[in-house]
Amino acid sequence: MDFSFTEEQTLLRGSVSQYLQRRYTFEDRQAVVRSEAGWSREVWRGLGELGLHALPFPEEAGGLGGSIVDVVATAELFGAHLLVEPYVASVVLAGAALAAVPDHPGAADRLGRIVAGEAIVAFAHEEGPGTPDPALVATRAERTAGGYVLSGEKKVVLHGADADVLVVSARLHGEPGDPDGLALFVVDAPGAAVAVTPFVTVDGRRAAHLRFDDVELGPDALLAADAHGLIREVLDRAIVALAAEAVGAMGELLRRTAEYASTREQFGVPIGTFQAVAHRLADMKIAVVKARSTLLYTTALAEAGRAGPHDIAVLKAQVGRLGRLVGESAIQTHGGVGMTDELPIGHLHKRVLAIDALFGTTDHHLRTIGAGRREPELAARTA
């Protein structure tokens, strides 16, 4: 199994890296975060000109036919530069959901608007701490003579207040915990029909809580019924992309910490020569290599269609656990300045922590791994 990027992917990474180094320095990013919008439409257009809006979608939908490997190749750079633009929200999450229903009459049009950079589409799914299993969704959609009525609340919808279109998971029947009865709906120009509570996440991204109080939808708003498997696939793909962002942030933490340790002096020598600091840097390096190796292995499995729930859980848990170690070690090495807003160290650590909180924390995925291991043992005992 080849874990290296192709020549085309390497060239793409080079183009994206050059663009971000030129237009998205840490100072530029801080100005963007402090702006009213909280993200840059100019940068968003620039990413579109590089083909990133179209990258993961099939050619018949106007995309470039890229794979999950292409997404990972670029998302790793986004993590290193702390990108706050709505790539994961609009392209990886909502875009993937729309691309999964090509026969729906309105999905292709909305997906085309994402590809063209004409619309921001948000994926409204979270309802509690991570909502790691789609079966836990409680938002309800009641059938009516004219279509559907949507009721419920969604939490931490990335770029939910900026969205021109929402893709919403809801339950047509059954109770939370039941994988049957789930569906995906599309809500255009939510406006006053949806109560929006915007906020800034700990890592500087824009998000919102959304409340649907008997929001009336037409019959064509239903994107997919029996959608548990589809939602799971969308979330798994997003977890891989988010893990790539986390690994990119971890690599940047390591690079900046090693550079700091080689230039910061105490007692007339660089602190990197102290045994305790050198050992800490070695541990950080090992953690980054382990996390990136797990990412590339899982990405290869996903591209081959062989990444199961256990593989996704291992990736999410590994990146979350090792990411926390790298971030805390970077802050410890920098001392007090590592916690200030003037340095990227604290911001990179916050990005890793924020990613860990999405779609199931490290603890949740460790429990998933443990449950998966117990099932064969129980089957063997009862055989």
Foldseek 3Di string as FASTA:
>chain_A
DDLDDDPVLVVLLVVLLVCCVVQQAPVNLVVLLPDPLLADLVVVVVCLVSQLLQACADVVLVHDPHALVSLLSNLLSCLLRLHQDCCLFARLFVLLLLRVQVVQPCSSVSNNCSSVVNWGEGEFQADDQAPQASLQAAWAWEQDPFATWTFDKGPFTFCPVVGQKYWYKHFHDDHRVDLARIFIFMDGRCPPQKDWAWDAAPLSHITTMIGHDRRDDGNSRTRTHSCRVVNNVSVLSSLLSLLSSLLSLLVSLLVVLVVQQQPDDDPRHRNCVDPVLVVLSVLSVVLSVVLVVLSSVLSVCVRVVNRDLLSSLCNLLSSLVSSLSSLVSSCVSVDPVLCDPVDCSVSSSSSSVVSQRHSHHNVRSVVVNVVVVVVVVVVVVVD
